[in-house]
Amino acid sequence: MSGSTPPSWIERGEIVDNAFRARRLEGMTALVTGSTRGLGRTIAEWLARDGANIVVSGRDEEPVAASVAAMKELGVESFGIPADLAEVEEAHRLADEVLARVEQLDILVNNAGMSIRGHFWDVTDADWDYQVNVNVRSPFILAQQTAKHMIEKGIRGRIVNISTIGVTQCHRDGAVYNLAKGGVETMTRNMGYELAPYRIGVNCVAPGAIADRPGARERGENWGDFRGSIPIGRYGRAEDIASAVRYFCLPESEFITGQTLLVDGGHATYLKE
């Protein structure tokens, strides 16, 4: 046998193509927050390739329009609503506008998130409010409104939240971000429990070290080469997260709810000696 590393299933494009051939989400509609770039954009593309119509949301109008155009090129219907989820009123407006424009919303992906890095003792009230609103309060509002809609219409829908490995493996200078995402995991469990009788699944995906995360370069982050701490031997990709989100939207995940799936290449299992 050759000693070379085989390509991953993502790199072997034919497997990805086969996965979407059946278009398992045909006719469904999904709202993906933060879907103008990075993880959110890739998640939206994966759901669109599976046939779901996509509601794009992001802070700025131009990137939202560009993402909508990309979704339409994948053969699905799409529209966008710019909203700044750091503002509570904007989260309510986003929910109201989406639910007014779609006949039914089958999937909500609470992907939008952000972090202001710094020592916890230097965090201002404004920094706290901004991070907590984006990372947990707005997702709560969107899930709340979406759940009411699904219950009223008898939709066996799916809500997928995005957390972080930082809930259990600390990010340096990321206390507020990590605690907010801890809240996301807690609300996932509670929402999963409360919505299970209505056959609405609520789950969470927690990314590990993902390469080229939005904002990383702007924040001046330098991870160094710590791939040796990731047993699978590489950084994560946006596609790794999108595939997990997609699974939670498929019928065969019906018996899974209130759970958080850590997608980290085994990073959290490794204790560096």
C-alpha atoms as a PDB file:
ATOM      1  CA  MET A   1       0.000   0.000   0.000  1.00  0.00           C
ATOM      2  CA  SER A   2       1.099   3.535  -0.665  1.00  0.00           C
ATOM      3  CA  GLY A   3       2.013   5.648   2.336  1.00  0.00           C
ATOM      4  CA  SER A   4       0.291   8.712   0.894  1.00  0.00           C
ATOM      5  CA  THR A   5      -2.780  10.141   2.608  1.00  0.00           C
ATOM      6  CA  PRO A   6      -5.999   9.427   0.679  1.00  0.00           C
ATOM      7  CA  PRO A   7      -8.112  12.429  -0.277  1.00  0.00           C
ATOM      8  CA  SER A   8     -10.954  13.255   2.052  1.00  0.00           C
ATOM      9  CA  TRP A   9     -14.543  12.580   1.040  1.00  0.00           C
ATOM     10  CA  ILE A  10     -14.970  16.331   0.492  1.00  0.00           C
ATOM     11  CA  GLU A  11     -12.026  16.379  -1.927  1.00  0.00           C
ATOM     12  CA  ARG A  12     -13.471  13.393  -3.797  1.00  0.00           C
ATOM     13  CA  GLY A  13     -16.119  15.507  -5.480  1.00  0.00           C
ATOM     14  CA  GLU A  14     -18.135  12.632  -6.888  1.00  0.00           C
ATOM     15  CA  ILE A  15     -19.208  11.569  -3.389  1.00  0.00           C
ATOM     16  CA  VAL A  16     -20.461  15.054  -2.594  1.00  0.00           C
ATOM     17  CA  ASP A  17     -22.308  15.178  -5.907  1.00  0.00           C
ATOM     18  CA  ASN A  18     -23.979  11.832  -5.205  1.00  0.00           C
ATOM     19  CA  ALA A  19     -25.045  13.010  -1.758  1.00  0.00           C
ATOM     20  CA  PHE A  20     -27.099  15.843  -3.269  1.00  0.00           C
ATOM     21  CA  ARG A  21     -28.473  14.010  -6.292  1.00  0.00           C
ATOM     22  CA  ALA A  22     -31.715  13.093  -4.517  1.00  0.00           C
ATOM     23  CA  ARG A  23     -32.291  16.714  -3.334  1.00  0.00           C
ATOM     24  CA  ARG A  24     -33.608  15.514   0.006  1.00  0.00           C
ATOM     25  CA  LEU A  25     -34.805  18.965   1.102  1.00  0.00           C
ATOM     26  CA  GLU A  26     -36.743  19.777  -2.064  1.00  0.00           C
ATOM     27  CA  GLY A  27     -39.601  22.200  -1.437  1.00  0.00           C
ATOM     28  CA  MET A  28     -38.462  23.184   2.063  1.00  0.00           C
ATOM     29  CA  THR A  29     -37.444  26.692   3.088  1.00  0.00           C
ATOM     30  CA  ALA A  30     -34.488  27.471   5.338  1.00  0.00           C
ATOM     31  CA  LEU A  31     -33.397  30.688   7.045  1.00  0.00           C
ATOM     32  CA  VAL A  32     -29.629  30.759   7.586  1.00  0.00           C
ATOM     33  CA  THR A  33     -28.332  33.722   9.565  1.00  0.00           C
ATOM     34  CA  GLY A  34     -24.885  35.060   8.783  1.00  0.00           C
ATOM     35  CA  SER A  35     -25.100  33.429   5.358  1.00  0.00           C
ATOM     36  CA  THR A  36     -23.179  35.978   3.313  1.00  0.00           C
ATOM     37  CA  ARG A  37     -19.743  34.436   3.942  1.00  0.00           C
ATOM     38  CA  GLY A  38     -17.799  31.756   5.784  1.00  0.00           C
ATOM     39  CA  LEU A  39     -19.605  28.925   7.533  1.00  0.00           C
ATOM     40  CA  GLY A  40     -23.050  30.410   6.994  1.00  0.00           C
ATOM     41  CA  ARG A  41     -22.570  30.826   3.253  1.00  0.00           C
ATOM     42  CA  THR A  42     -21.351  27.238   2.912  1.00  0.00           C
ATOM     43  CA  ILE A  43     -24.212  25.893   5.055  1.00  0.00           C
ATOM     44  CA  ALA A  44     -26.712  27.780   2.889  1.00  0.00           C
ATOM     45  CA  GLU A  45     -25.105  26.416  -0.283  1.00  0.00           C
ATOM     46  CA  TRP A  46     -25.251  22.841   1.002  1.00  0.00           C
ATOM     47  CA  LEU A  47     -28.922  23.140   1.913  1.00  0.00           C
ATOM     48  CA  ALA A  48     -29.635  24.754  -1.463  1.00  0.00           C
ATOM     49  CA  ARG A  49     -27.836  21.961  -3.314  1.00  0.00           C
ATOM     50  CA  ASP A  50     -30.162  19.596  -1.459  1.00  0.00           C
ATOM     51  CA  GLY A  51     -33.165  21.502  -2.822  1.00  0.00           C
ATOM     52  CA  ALA A  52     -34.053  23.869   0.023  1.00  0.00           C
ATOM     53  CA  ASN A  53     -35.113  27.416  -0.779  1.00  0.00           C
ATOM     54  CA  ILE A  54     -32.903  29.828   1.144  1.00  0.00           C
ATOM     55  CA  VAL A  55     -33.576  33.018   3.084  1.00  0.00           C
ATOM     56  CA  VAL A  56     -30.248  34.822   3.369  1.00  0.00           C
ATOM     57  CA  SER A  57     -29.493  37.119   6.282  1.00  0.00           C
ATOM     58  CA  GLY A  58     -26.478  39.281   7.030  1.00  0.00           C
ATOM     59  CA  ARG A  59     -25.710  42.784   8.246  1.00  0.00           C
ATOM     60  CA  ASP A  60     -25.132  44.531   4.919  1.00  0.00           C
ATOM     61  CA  GLU A  61     -27.339  44.754   1.853  1.00  0.00           C
ATOM     62  CA  GLU A  62     -24.720  44.201  -0.861  1.00  0.00           C
ATOM     63  CA  PRO A  63     -23.279  40.908   0.488  1.00  0.00           C
ATOM     64  CA  VAL A  64     -26.829  39.693   1.142  1.00  0.00           C
ATOM     65  CA  ALA A  65     -27.760  40.356  -2.499  1.00  0.00           C
ATOM     66  CA  ALA A  66     -24.629  38.561  -3.723  1.00  0.00           C
ATOM     67  CA  SER A  67     -25.404  35.512  -1.602  1.00  0.00           C
ATOM     68  CA  VAL A  68     -29.003  35.450  -2.829  1.00  0.00           C
ATOM     69  CA  ALA A  69     -27.756  35.449  -6.431  1.00  0.00           C
ATOM     70  CA  ALA A  70     -25.438  32.532  -5.656  1.00  0.00           C
ATOM     71  CA  MET A  71     -28.310  30.514  -4.154  1.00  0.00           C
ATOM     72  CA  LYS A  72     -30.472  31.121  -7.221  1.00  0.00           C
ATOM     73  CA  GLU A  73     -27.642  29.842  -9.418  1.00  0.00           C
ATOM     74  CA  LEU A  74     -27.968  26.548  -7.514  1.00  0.00           C
ATOM     75  CA  GLY A  75     -31.530  26.238  -8.801  1.00  0.00           C
ATOM     76  CA  VAL A  76     -33.576  27.243  -5.757  1.00  0.00           C
ATOM     77  CA  GLU A  77     -35.680  30.236  -4.786  1.00  0.00           C
ATOM     78  CA  SER A  78     -34.002  32.749  -2.510  1.00  0.00           C
ATOM     79  CA  PHE A  79     -34.410  36.200  -1.043  1.00  0.00           C
ATOM     80  CA  GLY A  80     -32.463  38.173   1.524  1.00  0.00           C
ATOM     81  CA  ILE A  81     -33.158  40.376   4.527  1.00  0.00           C
ATOM     82  CA  PRO A  82     -30.314  42.476   5.940  1.00  0.00           C
ATOM     83  CA  ALA A  83     -30.380  42.630   9.751  1.00  0.00           C
ATOM     84  CA  ASP A  84     -27.890  43.512  12.477  1.00  0.00           C
ATOM     85  CA  LEU A  85     -28.446  40.849  15.126  1.00  0.00           C
ATOM     86  CA  ALA A  86     -26.544  42.873  17.695  1.00  0.00           C
ATOM     87  CA  GLU A  87     -29.826  44.801  18.000  1.00  0.00           C
ATOM     88  CA  VAL A  88     -32.703  42.946  19.656  1.00  0.00           C
ATOM     89  CA  GLU A  89     -35.269  44.860  17.603  1.00  0.00           C
ATOM     90  CA  GLU A  90     -33.530  43.723  14.429  1.00  0.00           C
ATOM     91  CA  ALA A  91     -33.866  40.076  15.444  1.00  0.00           C
ATOM     92  CA  HIS A  92     -37.602  40.544  15.970  1.00  0.00           C
ATOM     93  CA  ARG A  93     -37.887  42.379  12.637  1.00  0.00           C
ATOM     94  CA  LEU A  94     -36.006  39.635  10.810  1.00  0.00           C
ATOM     95  CA  ALA A  95     -38.302  36.960  12.218  1.00  0.00           C
ATOM     96  CA  ASP A  96     -41.432  38.966  11.430  1.00  0.00           C
ATOM     97  CA  GLU A  97     -40.376  39.721   7.844  1.00  0.00           C
ATOM     98  CA  VAL A  98     -39.320  36.172   7.062  1.00  0.00           C
ATOM     99  CA  LEU A  99     -42.511  34.637   8.435  1.00  0.00           C
ATOM    100  CA  ALA A 100     -44.603  37.207   6.557  1.00  0.00           C
ATOM    101  CA  ARG A 101     -42.952  36.320   3.244  1.00  0.00           C
ATOM    102  CA  VAL A 102     -42.842  32.516   3.321  1.00  0.00           C
ATOM    103  CA  GLU A 103     -45.729  30.088   3.369  1.00  0.00           C
ATOM    104  CA  GLN A 104     -43.849  27.951   5.835  1.00  0.00           C
ATOM    105  CA  LEU A 105     -40.378  27.940   7.349  1.00  0.00           C
ATOM    106  CA  ASP A 106     -39.048  24.403   7.721  1.00  0.00           C
ATOM    107  CA  ILE A 107     -35.469  25.024   8.869  1.00  0.00           C
ATOM    108  CA  LEU A 108     -33.759  27.674  10.964  1.00  0.00           C
ATOM    109  CA  VAL A 109     -29.966  27.700  11.197  1.00  0.00           C
ATOM    110  CA  ASN A 110     -28.737  30.127  13.858  1.00  0.00           C
ATOM    111  CA  ASN A 111     -25.249  30.559  12.454  1.00  0.00           C
ATOM    112  CA  ALA A 112     -24.503  34.269  12.936  1.00  0.00           C
ATOM    113  CA  GLY A 113     -21.880  34.827  15.607  1.00  0.00           C
ATOM    114  CA  MET A 114     -18.990  37.071  16.535  1.00  0.00           C
ATOM    115  CA  SER A 115     -16.268  37.559  19.128  1.00  0.00           C
ATOM    116  CA  ILE A 116     -14.498  40.598  20.543  1.00  0.00           C
ATOM    117  CA  ARG A 117     -11.230  39.241  21.911  1.00  0.00           C
ATOM    118  CA  GLY A 118      -9.622  40.592  25.061  1.00  0.00           C
ATOM    119  CA  HIS A 119      -9.074  39.943  28.768  1.00  0.00           C
ATOM    120  CA  PHE A 120     -12.354  39.408  30.575  1.00  0.00           C
ATOM    121  CA  TRP A 121     -11.479  42.190  33.033  1.00  0.00           C
ATOM    122  CA  ASP A 122     -11.329  44.665  30.140  1.00  0.00           C
ATOM    123  CA  VAL A 123     -14.761  43.803  28.716  1.00  0.00           C
ATOM    124  CA  THR A 124     -17.035  46.856  28.570  1.00  0.00           C
ATOM    125  CA  ASP A 125     -20.797  46.788  28.972  1.00  0.00           C
ATOM    126  CA  ALA A 126     -21.090  47.585  25.260  1.00  0.00           C
ATOM    127  CA  ASP A 127     -18.789  44.677  24.346  1.00  0.00           C
ATOM    128  CA  TRP A 128     -20.851  42.369  26.550  1.00  0.00           C
ATOM    129  CA  ASP A 129     -24.178  43.453  25.051  1.00  0.00           C
ATOM    130  CA  TYR A 130     -22.915  43.174  21.474  1.00  0.00           C
ATOM    131  CA  GLN A 131     -21.550  39.648  21.855  1.00  0.00           C
ATOM    132  CA  VAL A 132     -24.387  38.282  23.961  1.00  0.00           C
ATOM    133  CA  ASN A 133     -27.045  39.737  21.642  1.00  0.00           C
ATOM    134  CA  VAL A 134     -25.476  38.311  18.475  1.00  0.00           C
ATOM    135  CA  ASN A 135     -24.457  34.943  19.879  1.00  0.00           C
ATOM    136  CA  VAL A 136     -27.363  33.920  22.099  1.00  0.00           C
ATOM    137  CA  ARG A 137     -30.153  36.462  22.541  1.00  0.00           C
ATOM    138  CA  SER A 138     -30.982  36.914  18.848  1.00  0.00           C
ATOM    139  CA  PRO A 139     -30.799  33.142  18.183  1.00  0.00           C
ATOM    140  CA  PHE A 140     -33.225  32.686  21.095  1.00  0.00           C
ATOM    141  CA  ILE A 141     -35.635  35.232  19.606  1.00  0.00           C
ATOM    142  CA  LEU A 142     -35.459  33.673  16.131  1.00  0.00           C
ATOM    143  CA  ALA A 143     -35.936  30.161  17.511  1.00  0.00           C
ATOM    144  CA  GLN A 144     -38.852  31.371  19.645  1.00  0.00           C
ATOM    145  CA  GLN A 145     -40.686  32.934  16.710  1.00  0.00           C
ATOM    146  CA  THR A 146     -39.862  30.034  14.400  1.00  0.00           C
ATOM    147  CA  ALA A 147     -41.095  27.478  16.949  1.00  0.00           C
ATOM    148  CA  LYS A 148     -44.442  29.269  17.292  1.00  0.00           C
ATOM    149  CA  HIS A 149     -44.801  29.252  13.510  1.00  0.00           C
ATOM    150  CA  MET A 150     -43.932  25.559  13.237  1.00  0.00           C
ATOM    151  CA  ILE A 151     -46.306  24.554  16.038  1.00  0.00           C
ATOM    152  CA  GLU A 152     -49.162  26.589  14.561  1.00  0.00           C
ATOM    153  CA  LYS A 153     -48.724  25.078  11.105  1.00  0.00           C
ATOM    154  CA  GLY A 154     -47.892  21.548  12.256  1.00  0.00           C
ATOM    155  CA  ILE A 155     -44.462  21.639  10.623  1.00  0.00           C
ATOM    156  CA  ARG A 156     -42.015  18.922  11.666  1.00  0.00           C
ATOM    157  CA  GLY A 157     -39.231  21.421  11.360  1.00  0.00           C
ATOM    158  CA  ARG A 158     -35.609  21.671  12.397  1.00  0.00           C
ATOM    159  CA  ILE A 159     -33.694  24.289  14.331  1.00  0.00           C
ATOM    160  CA  VAL A 160     -29.910  24.001  14.210  1.00  0.00           C
ATOM    161  CA  ASN A 161     -27.753  26.234  16.392  1.00  0.00           C
ATOM    162  CA  ILE A 162     -24.025  26.815  16.059  1.00  0.00           C
ATOM    163  CA  SER A 163     -21.776  26.726  19.137  1.00  0.00           C
ATOM    164  CA  THR A 164     -18.006  26.357  19.510  1.00  0.00           C
ATOM    165  CA  ILE A 165     -15.355  24.051  20.921  1.00  0.00           C
ATOM    166  CA  GLY A 166     -14.603  27.007  23.213  1.00  0.00           C
ATOM    167  CA  VAL A 167     -17.497  26.002  25.484  1.00  0.00           C
ATOM    168  CA  THR A 168     -15.342  23.183  26.856  1.00  0.00           C
ATOM    169  CA  GLN A 169     -11.861  24.108  25.548  1.00  0.00           C
ATOM    170  CA  CYS A 170     -11.200  27.764  26.365  1.00  0.00           C
ATOM    171  CA  HIS A 171     -10.386  30.290  23.677  1.00  0.00           C
ATOM    172  CA  ARG A 172      -7.774  32.715  24.882  1.00  0.00           C
ATOM    173  CA  ASP A 173      -9.369  36.115  25.564  1.00  0.00           C
ATOM    174  CA  GLY A 174     -12.769  34.780  24.550  1.00  0.00           C
ATOM    175  CA  ALA A 175     -14.687  34.549  27.827  1.00  0.00           C
ATOM    176  CA  VAL A 176     -17.854  36.366  26.736  1.00  0.00           C
ATOM    177  CA  TYR A 177     -18.036  34.579  23.381  1.00  0.00           C
ATOM    178  CA  ASN A 178     -17.549  31.187  25.010  1.00  0.00           C
ATOM    179  CA  LEU A 179     -20.076  31.767  27.785  1.00  0.00           C
ATOM    180  CA  ALA A 180     -22.649  33.003  25.244  1.00  0.00           C
ATOM    181  CA  LYS A 181     -22.135  29.856  23.184  1.00  0.00           C
ATOM    182  CA  GLY A 182     -22.483  27.821  26.369  1.00  0.00           C
ATOM    183  CA  GLY A 183     -25.893  29.443  26.636  1.00  0.00           C
ATOM    184  CA  VAL A 184     -26.625  28.334  23.071  1.00  0.00           C
ATOM    185  CA  GLU A 185     -25.939  24.711  24.020  1.00  0.00           C
ATOM    186  CA  THR A 186     -28.136  25.021  27.114  1.00  0.00           C
ATOM    187  CA  MET A 187     -31.022  26.524  25.174  1.00  0.00           C
ATOM    188  CA  THR A 188     -30.621  23.777  22.570  1.00  0.00           C
ATOM    189  CA  ARG A 189     -31.226  21.139  25.240  1.00  0.00           C
ATOM    190  CA  ASN A 190     -34.221  22.955  26.673  1.00  0.00           C
ATOM    191  CA  MET A 191     -35.771  23.751  23.307  1.00  0.00           C
ATOM    192  CA  GLY A 192     -35.221  20.185  22.147  1.00  0.00           C
ATOM    193  CA  TYR A 193     -37.063  18.904  25.209  1.00  0.00           C
ATOM    194  CA  GLU A 194     -39.966  21.325  24.885  1.00  0.00           C
ATOM    195  CA  LEU A 195     -40.427  20.948  21.129  1.00  0.00           C
ATOM    196  CA  ALA A 196     -40.022  17.150  20.911  1.00  0.00           C
ATOM    197  CA  PRO A 197     -43.778  16.502  21.386  1.00  0.00           C
ATOM    198  CA  TYR A 198     -44.372  18.625  18.269  1.00  0.00           C
ATOM    199  CA  ARG A 199     -41.794  16.597  16.303  1.00  0.00           C
ATOM    200  CA  ILE A 200     -39.579  19.656  15.924  1.00  0.00           C
ATOM    201  CA  GLY A 201     -35.901  18.772  16.226  1.00  0.00           C
ATOM    202  CA  VAL A 202     -33.444  21.172  17.859  1.00  0.00           C
ATOM    203  CA  ASN A 203     -29.738  20.396  17.745  1.00  0.00           C
ATOM    204  CA  CYS A 204     -26.417  22.187  17.838  1.00  0.00           C
ATOM    205  CA  VAL A 205     -23.141  21.889  15.922  1.00  0.00           C
ATOM    206  CA  ALA A 206     -19.935  22.978  17.694  1.00  0.00           C
ATOM    207  CA  PRO A 207     -17.039  23.641  15.295  1.00  0.00           C
ATOM    208  CA  GLY A 208     -13.454  23.037  16.292  1.00  0.00           C
ATOM    209  CA  ALA A 209     -10.530  24.781  14.599  1.00  0.00           C
ATOM    210  CA  ILE A 210     -11.879  25.863  11.215  1.00  0.00           C
ATOM    211  CA  ALA A 211      -9.473  27.324   8.665  1.00  0.00           C
ATOM    212  CA  ASP A 212     -10.120  30.782   7.200  1.00  0.00           C
ATOM    213  CA  ARG A 213     -12.881  31.749   9.616  1.00  0.00           C
ATOM    214  CA  PRO A 214     -14.480  35.124   8.793  1.00  0.00           C
ATOM    215  CA  GLY A 215     -12.742  37.910  10.660  1.00  0.00           C
ATOM    216  CA  ALA A 216      -9.712  35.878  11.752  1.00  0.00           C
ATOM    217  CA  ARG A 217      -7.269  37.816   9.599  1.00  0.00           C
ATOM    218  CA  GLU A 218      -8.875  41.142  10.549  1.00  0.00           C
ATOM    219  CA  ARG A 219      -8.420  40.272  14.234  1.00  0.00           C
ATOM    220  CA  GLY A 220      -4.777  39.463  13.576  1.00  0.00           C
ATOM    221  CA  GLU A 221      -5.138  35.893  14.822  1.00  0.00           C
ATOM    222  CA  ASN A 222      -2.198  33.556  14.432  1.00  0.00           C
ATOM    223  CA  TRP A 223      -2.935  29.996  15.452  1.00  0.00           C
ATOM    224  CA  GLY A 224       0.511  28.747  14.617  1.00  0.00           C
ATOM    225  CA  ASP A 225       0.753  25.175  13.402  1.00  0.00           C
ATOM    226  CA  PHE A 226      -1.170  23.217  16.013  1.00  0.00           C
ATOM    227  CA  ARG A 227      -2.446  20.614  13.589  1.00  0.00           C
ATOM    228  CA  GLY A 228      -0.416  18.154  15.656  1.00  0.00           C
ATOM    229  CA  SER A 229      -3.064  18.630  18.358  1.00  0.00           C
ATOM    230  CA  ILE A 230      -5.800  17.549  15.918  1.00  0.00           C
ATOM    231  CA  PRO A 231      -5.661  13.758  15.555  1.00  0.00           C
ATOM    232  CA  ILE A 232      -7.125  13.801  12.048  1.00  0.00           C
ATOM    233  CA  GLY A 233      -4.132  15.931  11.003  1.00  0.00           C
ATOM    234  CA  ARG A 234      -5.775  18.978   9.445  1.00  0.00           C
ATOM    235  CA  TYR A 235      -7.809  22.042  10.263  1.00  0.00           C
ATOM    236  CA  GLY A 236     -11.557  21.865   9.790  1.00  0.00           C
ATOM    237  CA  ARG A 237     -13.303  23.161   6.685  1.00  0.00           C
ATOM    238  CA  ALA A 238     -16.611  24.945   6.318  1.00  0.00           C
ATOM    239  CA  GLU A 239     -17.871  21.840   4.516  1.00  0.00           C
ATOM    240  CA  ASP A 240     -17.270  19.739   7.631  1.00  0.00           C
ATOM    241  CA  ILE A 241     -19.707  21.937   9.535  1.00  0.00           C
ATOM    242  CA  ALA A 242     -22.200  22.180   6.674  1.00  0.00           C
ATOM    243  CA  SER A 243     -22.411  18.390   6.413  1.00  0.00           C
ATOM    244  CA  ALA A 244     -23.264  18.123  10.122  1.00  0.00           C
ATOM    245  CA  VAL A 245     -25.940  20.819   9.837  1.00  0.00           C
ATOM    246  CA  ARG A 246     -27.380  19.073   6.784  1.00  0.00           C
ATOM    247  CA  TYR A 247     -27.633  15.785   8.686  1.00  0.00           C
ATOM    248  CA  PHE A 248     -29.690  17.416  11.432  1.00  0.00           C
ATOM    249  CA  CYS A 249     -32.104  18.652   8.733  1.00  0.00           C
ATOM    250  CA  LEU A 250     -32.680  15.203   7.186  1.00  0.00           C
ATOM    251  CA  PRO A 251     -35.527  12.832   8.158  1.00  0.00           C
ATOM    252  CA  GLU A 252     -33.193  10.176   9.550  1.00  0.00           C
ATOM    253  CA  SER A 253     -32.084  12.487  12.375  1.00  0.00           C
ATOM    254  CA  GLU A 254     -35.641  12.648  13.758  1.00  0.00           C
ATOM    255  CA  PHE A 255     -34.807  10.694  16.942  1.00  0.00           C
ATOM    256  CA  ILE A 256     -31.936  13.058  17.808  1.00  0.00           C
ATOM    257  CA  THR A 257     -32.846  16.278  19.587  1.00  0.00           C
ATOM    258  CA  GLY A 258     -31.399  18.573  22.233  1.00  0.00           C
ATOM    259  CA  GLN A 259     -27.871  17.452  21.362  1.00  0.00           C
ATOM    260  CA  THR A 260     -24.595  19.204  20.584  1.00  0.00           C
ATOM    261  CA  LEU A 261     -22.274  17.569  18.043  1.00  0.00           C
ATOM    262  CA  LEU A 262     -18.623  18.567  18.362  1.00  0.00           C
ATOM    263  CA  VAL A 263     -16.997  18.597  14.904  1.00  0.00           C
ATOM    264  CA  ASP A 264     -13.302  19.021  15.648  1.00  0.00           C
ATOM    265  CA  GLY A 265     -11.257  16.208  14.084  1.00  0.00           C
ATOM    266  CA  GLY A 266     -10.736  14.743  17.554  1.00  0.00           C
ATOM    267  CA  HIS A 267      -9.106  17.925  18.883  1.00  0.00           C
ATOM    268  CA  ALA A 268     -10.884  17.806  22.256  1.00  0.00           C
ATOM    269  CA  THR A 269      -9.759  14.218  22.824  1.00  0.00           C
ATOM    270  CA  TYR A 270      -6.077  15.093  22.634  1.00  0.00           C
ATOM    271  CA  LEU A 271      -4.023  15.953  25.728  1.00  0.00           C
ATOM    272  CA  LYS A 272      -0.671  17.350  24.680  1.00  0.00           C
ATOM    273  CA  GLU A 273       2.074  16.048  26.950  1.00  0.00           C
END
